[in-house]
Amino acid sequence: MGCLIYKIATSAQWREAERTGRFAGAPVDLADGFIHLSTDAQVRETAARHFAGQSDLVLVEVDGDRLGTALRFEPSRGGQLFPHLYAPLPLSAVTRSWPLPVDAAGHHVFPSGIGA
């Protein structure tokens, strides 16, 4: 397995992706012209900033090496390089997915070892 990156989506968005075999993007992705992804080191902050308190989410693990030249690492938040996908995300590149619940304090509960 290669470069692992992550996408946070709503359960409804992810069910649609599973039905069609690809994830075309959330509304923010469609508006920006690329699918926003995060590295392991970035995914917890992404959840806190953009999905604060939201439940009914799915954390999707993607093998970035399967995405080819459509995947680009570009400067974003604080100058960090974030993975951006300039194509729909094929489910063939997805290695795993998990529910991403929130705890009683409203913080997302990540699978063990993710975003540690």
C-alpha atoms as a PDB file:
ATOM      1  CA  MET A   1       0.000   0.000   0.000  1.00  0.00           C
ATOM      2  CA  GLY A   2       1.302   3.428  -0.891  1.00  0.00           C
ATOM      3  CA  CYS A   3       0.627   6.946   0.277  1.00  0.00           C
ATOM      4  CA  LEU A   4      -2.450   6.850   2.534  1.00  0.00           C
ATOM      5  CA  ILE A   5      -4.703   9.902   2.497  1.00  0.00           C
ATOM      6  CA  TYR A   6      -8.180  10.533   3.908  1.00  0.00           C
ATOM      7  CA  LYS A   7     -11.557  11.947   2.946  1.00  0.00           C
ATOM      8  CA  ILE A   8     -14.352  12.829   5.360  1.00  0.00           C
ATOM      9  CA  ALA A   9     -17.820  12.597   3.840  1.00  0.00           C
ATOM     10  CA  THR A  10     -21.358  12.408   5.094  1.00  0.00           C
ATOM     11  CA  SER A  11     -22.876   8.945   5.273  1.00  0.00           C
ATOM     12  CA  ALA A  12     -25.360   9.922   2.542  1.00  0.00           C
ATOM     13  CA  GLN A  13     -22.567  11.116   0.237  1.00  0.00           C
ATOM     14  CA  TRP A  14     -20.629   7.925   0.821  1.00  0.00           C
ATOM     15  CA  ARG A  15     -23.662   5.665   0.220  1.00  0.00           C
ATOM     16  CA  GLU A  16     -24.100   7.406  -3.144  1.00  0.00           C
ATOM     17  CA  ALA A  17     -20.425   6.807  -3.937  1.00  0.00           C
ATOM     18  CA  GLU A  18     -20.789   3.119  -3.096  1.00  0.00           C
ATOM     19  CA  ARG A  19     -23.855   2.925  -5.327  1.00  0.00           C
ATOM     20  CA  THR A  20     -22.093   4.531  -8.315  1.00  0.00           C
ATOM     21  CA  GLY A  21     -18.547   3.217  -7.747  1.00  0.00           C
ATOM     22  CA  ARG A  22     -17.000   6.677  -7.460  1.00  0.00           C
ATOM     23  CA  PHE A  23     -17.109   9.753  -5.246  1.00  0.00           C
ATOM     24  CA  ALA A  24     -17.701  12.870  -7.327  1.00  0.00           C
ATOM     25  CA  GLY A  25     -17.195  15.183  -4.350  1.00  0.00           C
ATOM     26  CA  ALA A  26     -19.042  17.041  -1.630  1.00  0.00           C
ATOM     27  CA  PRO A  27     -20.568  20.459  -2.437  1.00  0.00           C
ATOM     28  CA  VAL A  28     -17.363  22.254  -1.350  1.00  0.00           C
ATOM     29  CA  ASP A  29     -15.299  19.972  -3.613  1.00  0.00           C
ATOM     30  CA  LEU A  30     -17.547  20.624  -6.589  1.00  0.00           C
ATOM     31  CA  ALA A  31     -17.396  24.383  -5.952  1.00  0.00           C
ATOM     32  CA  ASP A  32     -13.586  24.378  -5.702  1.00  0.00           C
ATOM     33  CA  GLY A  33     -13.009  22.081  -8.699  1.00  0.00           C
ATOM     34  CA  PHE A  34     -11.176  19.337  -6.801  1.00  0.00           C
ATOM     35  CA  ILE A  35     -11.763  16.839  -3.999  1.00  0.00           C
ATOM     36  CA  HIS A  36     -10.257  17.978  -0.704  1.00  0.00           C
ATOM     37  CA  LEU A  37      -8.263  15.236   1.014  1.00  0.00           C
ATOM     38  CA  SER A  38      -6.006  15.163   4.075  1.00  0.00           C
ATOM     39  CA  THR A  39      -2.861  13.359   5.104  1.00  0.00           C
ATOM     40  CA  ASP A  40      -2.767  11.364   8.318  1.00  0.00           C
ATOM     41  CA  ALA A  41      -1.149  14.354  10.052  1.00  0.00           C
ATOM     42  CA  GLN A  42      -3.910  16.725   8.828  1.00  0.00           C
ATOM     43  CA  VAL A  43      -7.134  14.724   9.127  1.00  0.00           C
ATOM     44  CA  ARG A  44      -7.963  15.476  12.775  1.00  0.00           C
ATOM     45  CA  GLU A  45      -7.617  19.236  12.265  1.00  0.00           C
ATOM     46  CA  THR A  46      -9.696  18.977   9.085  1.00  0.00           C
ATOM     47  CA  ALA A  47     -12.455  17.254  11.053  1.00  0.00           C
ATOM     48  CA  ALA A  48     -12.322  19.852  13.820  1.00  0.00           C
ATOM     49  CA  ARG A  49     -12.317  22.839  11.440  1.00  0.00           C
ATOM     50  CA  HIS A  50     -14.765  21.738   8.781  1.00  0.00           C
ATOM     51  CA  PHE A  51     -16.981  19.125  10.472  1.00  0.00           C
ATOM     52  CA  ALA A  52     -17.125  20.351  14.092  1.00  0.00           C
ATOM     53  CA  GLY A  53     -19.847  18.572  16.040  1.00  0.00           C
ATOM     54  CA  GLN A  54     -21.191  16.781  12.949  1.00  0.00           C
ATOM     55  CA  SER A  55     -22.082  13.143  13.323  1.00  0.00           C
ATOM     56  CA  ASP A  56     -23.199  10.726  10.619  1.00  0.00           C
ATOM     57  CA  LEU A  57     -19.816  11.020   8.913  1.00  0.00           C
ATOM     58  CA  VAL A  58     -17.571   8.465   7.241  1.00  0.00           C
ATOM     59  CA  LEU A  59     -13.766   8.488   7.265  1.00  0.00           C
ATOM     60  CA  VAL A  60     -12.421   7.057   4.019  1.00  0.00           C
ATOM     61  CA  GLU A  61      -8.838   5.834   3.624  1.00  0.00           C
ATOM     62  CA  VAL A  62      -7.435   6.133   0.100  1.00  0.00           C
ATOM     63  CA  ASP A  63      -4.258   4.759  -1.467  1.00  0.00           C
ATOM     64  CA  GLY A  64      -2.979   7.936  -3.099  1.00  0.00           C
ATOM     65  CA  ASP A  65      -0.648   5.958  -5.366  1.00  0.00           C
ATOM     66  CA  ARG A  66      -3.726   4.608  -7.188  1.00  0.00           C
ATOM     67  CA  LEU A  67      -4.873   8.100  -8.198  1.00  0.00           C
ATOM     68  CA  GLY A  68      -2.167   8.937 -10.719  1.00  0.00           C
ATOM     69  CA  THR A  69      -1.485  12.462 -11.913  1.00  0.00           C
ATOM     70  CA  ALA A  70      -4.963  13.711 -10.892  1.00  0.00           C
ATOM     71  CA  LEU A  71      -3.627  13.853  -7.294  1.00  0.00           C
ATOM     72  CA  ARG A  72      -1.630  16.972  -6.486  1.00  0.00           C
ATOM     73  CA  PHE A  73      -0.193  18.195  -3.195  1.00  0.00           C
ATOM     74  CA  GLU A  74      -0.810  21.932  -3.052  1.00  0.00           C
ATOM     75  CA  PRO A  75      -0.318  24.659  -0.413  1.00  0.00           C
ATOM     76  CA  SER A  76      -3.380  25.388   1.682  1.00  0.00           C
ATOM     77  CA  ARG A  77      -4.033  25.961   5.403  1.00  0.00           C
ATOM     78  CA  GLY A  78      -0.953  27.566   6.937  1.00  0.00           C
ATOM     79  CA  GLY A  79       1.152  26.749   3.873  1.00  0.00           C
ATOM     80  CA  GLN A  80       0.811  22.993   4.444  1.00  0.00           C
ATOM     81  CA  LEU A  81       0.702  20.789   1.361  1.00  0.00           C
ATOM     82  CA  PHE A  82      -2.717  19.165   1.113  1.00  0.00           C
ATOM     83  CA  PRO A  83      -3.719  16.400  -1.292  1.00  0.00           C
ATOM     84  CA  HIS A  84      -6.227  17.611  -3.896  1.00  0.00           C
ATOM     85  CA  LEU A  85      -7.810  15.231  -6.400  1.00  0.00           C
ATOM     86  CA  TYR A  86      -8.721  16.747  -9.766  1.00  0.00           C
ATOM     87  CA  ALA A  87     -10.992  13.868 -10.796  1.00  0.00           C
ATOM     88  CA  PRO A  88     -13.724  11.768  -9.202  1.00  0.00           C
ATOM     89  CA  LEU A  89     -12.414   9.400  -6.526  1.00  0.00           C
ATOM     90  CA  PRO A  90     -12.690   5.818  -7.813  1.00  0.00           C
ATOM     91  CA  LEU A  91     -13.697   3.359  -5.126  1.00  0.00           C
ATOM     92  CA  SER A  92     -10.969   1.054  -6.418  1.00  0.00           C
ATOM     93  CA  ALA A  93      -8.497   3.411  -4.672  1.00  0.00           C
ATOM     94  CA  VAL A  94     -10.294   3.135  -1.306  1.00  0.00           C
ATOM     95  CA  THR A  95      -8.613   0.771   1.134  1.00  0.00           C
ATOM     96  CA  ARG A  96     -10.968   1.107   4.129  1.00  0.00           C
ATOM     97  CA  SER A  97     -13.730   3.239   5.602  1.00  0.00           C
ATOM     98  CA  TRP A  98     -15.120   3.737   9.073  1.00  0.00           C
ATOM     99  CA  PRO A  99     -17.967   5.599  10.731  1.00  0.00           C
ATOM    100  CA  LEU A 100     -16.643   8.823  12.298  1.00  0.00           C
ATOM    101  CA  PRO A 101     -18.805   9.405  15.379  1.00  0.00           C
ATOM    102  CA  VAL A 102     -18.533  12.190  17.930  1.00  0.00           C
ATOM    103  CA  ASP A 103     -18.105  11.704  21.656  1.00  0.00           C
ATOM    104  CA  ALA A 104     -20.126  13.392  24.415  1.00  0.00           C
ATOM    105  CA  ALA A 105     -17.891  16.486  24.147  1.00  0.00           C
ATOM    106  CA  GLY A 106     -18.526  16.758  20.395  1.00  0.00           C
ATOM    107  CA  HIS A 107     -15.054  15.593  19.322  1.00  0.00           C
ATOM    108  CA  HIS A 108     -14.681  13.075  16.493  1.00  0.00           C
ATOM    109  CA  VAL A 109     -13.628   9.600  17.524  1.00  0.00           C
ATOM    110  CA  PHE A 110     -11.024   8.341  15.053  1.00  0.00           C
ATOM    111  CA  PRO A 111     -10.063   4.714  14.515  1.00  0.00           C
ATOM    112  CA  SER A 112      -6.984   3.667  16.458  1.00  0.00           C
ATOM    113  CA  GLY A 113      -3.768   4.884  14.823  1.00  0.00           C
ATOM    114  CA  ILE A 114      -5.403   7.350  12.421  1.00  0.00           C
ATOM    115  CA  GLY A 115      -4.346  10.964  12.806  1.00  0.00           C
ATOM    116  CA  ALA A 116      -2.432  10.151  15.953  1.00  0.00           C
END
